[in-house]
């Protein structure tokens, strides 16, 4: 049964910016973290894979920070599995948007958002805006 709390979707941008205090988006991501603190934040396994991949070449300390960020997400957020039906639905969207530059992970995210009725996403990725979602990286 789904919670009555507001739900937001967290893209890799959000986690990457939170994990790196030197990232130019760190402060806006922290601000958004405070805004959504009493809400349910949803993501999926492929987003977390992107986060780990982003930090993979950064050395032991950076890699550990990435692992800590992903473990925190697994403990505090609702993390959808990317297997089976989600992959197939996302592949259909990927195929249908040949005129766009959406990644398959973006299509998975958009599919999860549609399935759950989520309209707001913690990201700076304009592809979500192209699909009619509200991008919150611009929020004050």
C-alpha atoms as a PDB file:
ATOM      1  CA  UNK A   1       0.000   0.000   0.000  1.00  0.00           C
ATOM      2  CA  UNK A   2       1.377   3.370  -1.034  1.00  0.00           C
ATOM      3  CA  UNK A   3       1.921   6.160   1.465  1.00  0.00           C
ATOM      4  CA  UNK A   4      -0.182   9.319   1.363  1.00  0.00           C
ATOM      5  CA  UNK A   5       2.962  11.428   1.627  1.00  0.00           C
ATOM      6  CA  UNK A   6       4.125  13.468  -1.347  1.00  0.00           C
ATOM      7  CA  UNK A   7       6.469  11.434  -3.542  1.00  0.00           C
ATOM      8  CA  UNK A   8       9.485  12.751  -5.438  1.00  0.00           C
ATOM      9  CA  UNK A   9      11.799  10.920  -7.793  1.00  0.00           C
ATOM     10  CA  UNK A  10      15.566  11.213  -7.249  1.00  0.00           C
ATOM     11  CA  UNK A  11      17.792  11.065 -10.313  1.00  0.00           C
ATOM     12  CA  UNK A  12      21.559  10.422 -10.241  1.00  0.00           C
ATOM     13  CA  UNK A  13      22.197  14.199 -10.318  1.00  0.00           C
ATOM     14  CA  UNK A  14      20.718  14.493  -6.822  1.00  0.00           C
ATOM     15  CA  UNK A  15      22.868  11.769  -5.281  1.00  0.00           C
ATOM     16  CA  UNK A  16      26.048  12.855  -7.086  1.00  0.00           C
ATOM     17  CA  UNK A  17      25.617  16.460  -5.968  1.00  0.00           C
ATOM     18  CA  UNK A  18      24.906  15.409  -2.373  1.00  0.00           C
ATOM     19  CA  UNK A  19      27.937  13.114  -2.228  1.00  0.00           C
ATOM     20  CA  UNK A  20      30.427  15.727  -3.413  1.00  0.00           C
ATOM     21  CA  UNK A  21      30.596  18.949  -1.418  1.00  0.00           C
ATOM     22  CA  UNK A  22      32.789  20.437  -4.173  1.00  0.00           C
ATOM     23  CA  UNK A  23      30.148  19.812  -6.840  1.00  0.00           C
ATOM     24  CA  UNK A  24      28.651  23.063  -8.126  1.00  0.00           C
ATOM     25  CA  UNK A  25      25.187  21.619  -7.488  1.00  0.00           C
ATOM     26  CA  UNK A  26      25.878  20.501  -3.909  1.00  0.00           C
ATOM     27  CA  UNK A  27      24.151  23.450  -2.209  1.00  0.00           C
ATOM     28  CA  UNK A  28      20.984  23.282  -4.364  1.00  0.00           C
ATOM     29  CA  UNK A  29      20.835  19.514  -3.804  1.00  0.00           C
ATOM     30  CA  UNK A  30      21.151  20.008  -0.033  1.00  0.00           C
ATOM     31  CA  UNK A  31      18.353  22.578  -0.200  1.00  0.00           C
ATOM     32  CA  UNK A  32      16.168  20.098  -2.074  1.00  0.00           C
ATOM     33  CA  UNK A  33      17.049  17.392   0.435  1.00  0.00           C
ATOM     34  CA  UNK A  34      15.607  19.610   3.172  1.00  0.00           C
ATOM     35  CA  UNK A  35      12.471  20.306   1.118  1.00  0.00           C
ATOM     36  CA  UNK A  36      11.745  16.592   0.592  1.00  0.00           C
ATOM     37  CA  UNK A  37      12.823  15.396   4.033  1.00  0.00           C
ATOM     38  CA  UNK A  38       9.287  14.597   5.177  1.00  0.00           C
ATOM     39  CA  UNK A  39       8.259  13.101   1.857  1.00  0.00           C
ATOM     40  CA  UNK A  40       8.843   9.776   0.207  1.00  0.00           C
ATOM     41  CA  UNK A  41      11.763   9.805  -2.217  1.00  0.00           C
ATOM     42  CA  UNK A  42      11.752   7.135  -4.912  1.00  0.00           C
ATOM     43  CA  UNK A  43      14.553   6.001  -7.189  1.00  0.00           C
ATOM     44  CA  UNK A  44      15.644   2.744  -8.800  1.00  0.00           C
ATOM     45  CA  UNK A  45      18.680   0.499  -8.922  1.00  0.00           C
ATOM     46  CA  UNK A  46      19.969   1.762 -12.279  1.00  0.00           C
ATOM     47  CA  UNK A  47      20.122   5.337 -10.936  1.00  0.00           C
ATOM     48  CA  UNK A  48      22.249   4.094  -8.048  1.00  0.00           C
ATOM     49  CA  UNK A  49      24.430   2.213 -10.541  1.00  0.00           C
ATOM     50  CA  UNK A  50      24.972   5.504 -12.392  1.00  0.00           C
ATOM     51  CA  UNK A  51      26.050   7.144  -9.138  1.00  0.00           C
ATOM     52  CA  UNK A  52      28.618   4.419  -8.451  1.00  0.00           C
ATOM     53  CA  UNK A  53      29.869   4.597 -12.036  1.00  0.00           C
ATOM     54  CA  UNK A  54      30.255   8.372 -11.817  1.00  0.00           C
ATOM     55  CA  UNK A  55      32.625   8.075  -8.855  1.00  0.00           C
ATOM     56  CA  UNK A  56      34.415   4.853  -9.901  1.00  0.00           C
ATOM     57  CA  UNK A  57      37.662   6.502 -10.971  1.00  0.00           C
ATOM     58  CA  UNK A  58      37.971   8.868  -8.035  1.00  0.00           C
ATOM     59  CA  UNK A  59      40.128   6.794  -5.730  1.00  0.00           C
ATOM     60  CA  UNK A  60      39.377   4.952  -2.509  1.00  0.00           C
ATOM     61  CA  UNK A  61      37.976   7.888  -0.507  1.00  0.00           C
ATOM     62  CA  UNK A  62      35.683   9.025  -3.315  1.00  0.00           C
ATOM     63  CA  UNK A  63      34.529   5.483  -4.022  1.00  0.00           C
ATOM     64  CA  UNK A  64      33.723   4.992  -0.351  1.00  0.00           C
ATOM     65  CA  UNK A  65      31.702   8.222  -0.321  1.00  0.00           C
ATOM     66  CA  UNK A  66      29.749   6.853  -3.307  1.00  0.00           C
ATOM     67  CA  UNK A  67      29.132   3.559  -1.509  1.00  0.00           C
ATOM     68  CA  UNK A  68      27.991   5.435   1.605  1.00  0.00           C
ATOM     69  CA  UNK A  69      25.616   7.538  -0.513  1.00  0.00           C
ATOM     70  CA  UNK A  70      24.117   4.463  -2.168  1.00  0.00           C
ATOM     71  CA  UNK A  71      23.784   2.585   1.139  1.00  0.00           C
ATOM     72  CA  UNK A  72      22.028   5.612   2.615  1.00  0.00           C
ATOM     73  CA  UNK A  73      19.652   5.699  -0.370  1.00  0.00           C
ATOM     74  CA  UNK A  74      18.915   1.994   0.070  1.00  0.00           C
ATOM     75  CA  UNK A  75      18.097   2.590   3.722  1.00  0.00           C
ATOM     76  CA  UNK A  76      16.154   5.837   3.530  1.00  0.00           C
ATOM     77  CA  UNK A  77      14.458   5.905   0.123  1.00  0.00           C
ATOM     78  CA  UNK A  78      12.130   3.638  -1.772  1.00  0.00           C
ATOM     79  CA  UNK A  79      14.322   1.873  -4.354  1.00  0.00           C
ATOM     80  CA  UNK A  80      12.553   0.094  -7.218  1.00  0.00           C
ATOM     81  CA  UNK A  81      14.068  -2.972  -8.849  1.00  0.00           C
ATOM     82  CA  UNK A  82      15.046  -2.584 -12.494  1.00  0.00           C
ATOM     83  CA  UNK A  83      14.400  -6.143 -13.563  1.00  0.00           C
ATOM     84  CA  UNK A  84      11.700  -7.677 -15.686  1.00  0.00           C
ATOM     85  CA  UNK A  85       8.736  -5.482 -16.473  1.00  0.00           C
ATOM     86  CA  UNK A  86      10.432  -2.132 -15.803  1.00  0.00           C
ATOM     87  CA  UNK A  87      13.177  -2.900 -18.306  1.00  0.00           C
ATOM     88  CA  UNK A  88      10.608  -3.862 -20.955  1.00  0.00           C
ATOM     89  CA  UNK A  89       8.438  -0.775 -20.363  1.00  0.00           C
ATOM     90  CA  UNK A  90      11.501   1.480 -20.450  1.00  0.00           C
ATOM     91  CA  UNK A  91      12.727  -0.130 -23.648  1.00  0.00           C
ATOM     92  CA  UNK A  92       9.356   0.637 -25.251  1.00  0.00           C
ATOM     93  CA  UNK A  93       9.651   4.300 -24.223  1.00  0.00           C
ATOM     94  CA  UNK A  94      13.260   4.408 -25.447  1.00  0.00           C
ATOM     95  CA  UNK A  95      12.114   3.072 -28.817  1.00  0.00           C
ATOM     96  CA  UNK A  96       9.156   5.454 -28.991  1.00  0.00           C
ATOM     97  CA  UNK A  97      11.335   8.534 -28.391  1.00  0.00           C
ATOM     98  CA  UNK A  98      13.768   8.084 -31.276  1.00  0.00           C
ATOM     99  CA  UNK A  99      13.822  11.854 -31.744  1.00  0.00           C
ATOM    100  CA  UNK A 100      15.132  12.368 -28.177  1.00  0.00           C
ATOM    101  CA  UNK A 101      18.462  11.643 -26.499  1.00  0.00           C
ATOM    102  CA  UNK A 102      16.991   9.869 -23.462  1.00  0.00           C
ATOM    103  CA  UNK A 103      19.142   7.155 -21.946  1.00  0.00           C
ATOM    104  CA  UNK A 104      17.542   3.843 -21.035  1.00  0.00           C
ATOM    105  CA  UNK A 105      18.034   4.793 -17.374  1.00  0.00           C
ATOM    106  CA  UNK A 106      16.070   8.018 -18.012  1.00  0.00           C
ATOM    107  CA  UNK A 107      13.324   5.928 -19.599  1.00  0.00           C
ATOM    108  CA  UNK A 108      13.288   3.631 -16.567  1.00  0.00           C
ATOM    109  CA  UNK A 109      13.005   6.667 -14.308  1.00  0.00           C
ATOM    110  CA  UNK A 110      10.181   8.187 -16.333  1.00  0.00           C
ATOM    111  CA  UNK A 111       8.374   4.852 -16.360  1.00  0.00           C
ATOM    112  CA  UNK A 112       8.634   4.509 -12.573  1.00  0.00           C
ATOM    113  CA  UNK A 113       7.398   8.077 -12.183  1.00  0.00           C
ATOM    114  CA  UNK A 114       4.383   7.449 -14.415  1.00  0.00           C
ATOM    115  CA  UNK A 115       3.550   4.155 -12.693  1.00  0.00           C
ATOM    116  CA  UNK A 116       3.627   5.829  -9.274  1.00  0.00           C
ATOM    117  CA  UNK A 117       2.014   9.122 -10.341  1.00  0.00           C
ATOM    118  CA  UNK A 118       5.135  11.135  -9.454  1.00  0.00           C
ATOM    119  CA  UNK A 119       5.388  14.478 -11.238  1.00  0.00           C
ATOM    120  CA  UNK A 120       8.427  16.066  -9.563  1.00  0.00           C
ATOM    121  CA  UNK A 121      12.010  14.950 -10.026  1.00  0.00           C
ATOM    122  CA  UNK A 122      15.191  15.926  -8.205  1.00  0.00           C
ATOM    123  CA  UNK A 123      17.456  16.473 -11.204  1.00  0.00           C
ATOM    124  CA  UNK A 124      18.853  19.021 -13.613  1.00  0.00           C
ATOM    125  CA  UNK A 125      18.199  16.773 -16.621  1.00  0.00           C
ATOM    126  CA  UNK A 126      16.078  18.633 -19.179  1.00  0.00           C
ATOM    127  CA  UNK A 127      14.851  15.339 -20.646  1.00  0.00           C
ATOM    128  CA  UNK A 128      12.392  15.035 -17.774  1.00  0.00           C
ATOM    129  CA  UNK A 129      11.015  18.474 -18.588  1.00  0.00           C
ATOM    130  CA  UNK A 130      10.563  17.348 -22.214  1.00  0.00           C
ATOM    131  CA  UNK A 131       8.316  14.552 -20.921  1.00  0.00           C
ATOM    132  CA  UNK A 132       6.218  16.975 -18.866  1.00  0.00           C
ATOM    133  CA  UNK A 133       7.725  16.384 -15.439  1.00  0.00           C
ATOM    134  CA  UNK A 134       8.609  19.179 -13.005  1.00  0.00           C
ATOM    135  CA  UNK A 135      12.383  19.466 -12.595  1.00  0.00           C
ATOM    136  CA  UNK A 136      13.209  20.699  -9.092  1.00  0.00           C
ATOM    137  CA  UNK A 137      16.893  21.593  -9.414  1.00  0.00           C
ATOM    138  CA  UNK A 138      15.645  25.084 -10.321  1.00  0.00           C
ATOM    139  CA  UNK A 139      13.689  25.370  -7.069  1.00  0.00           C
ATOM    140  CA  UNK A 140      14.767  28.054  -4.577  1.00  0.00           C
END
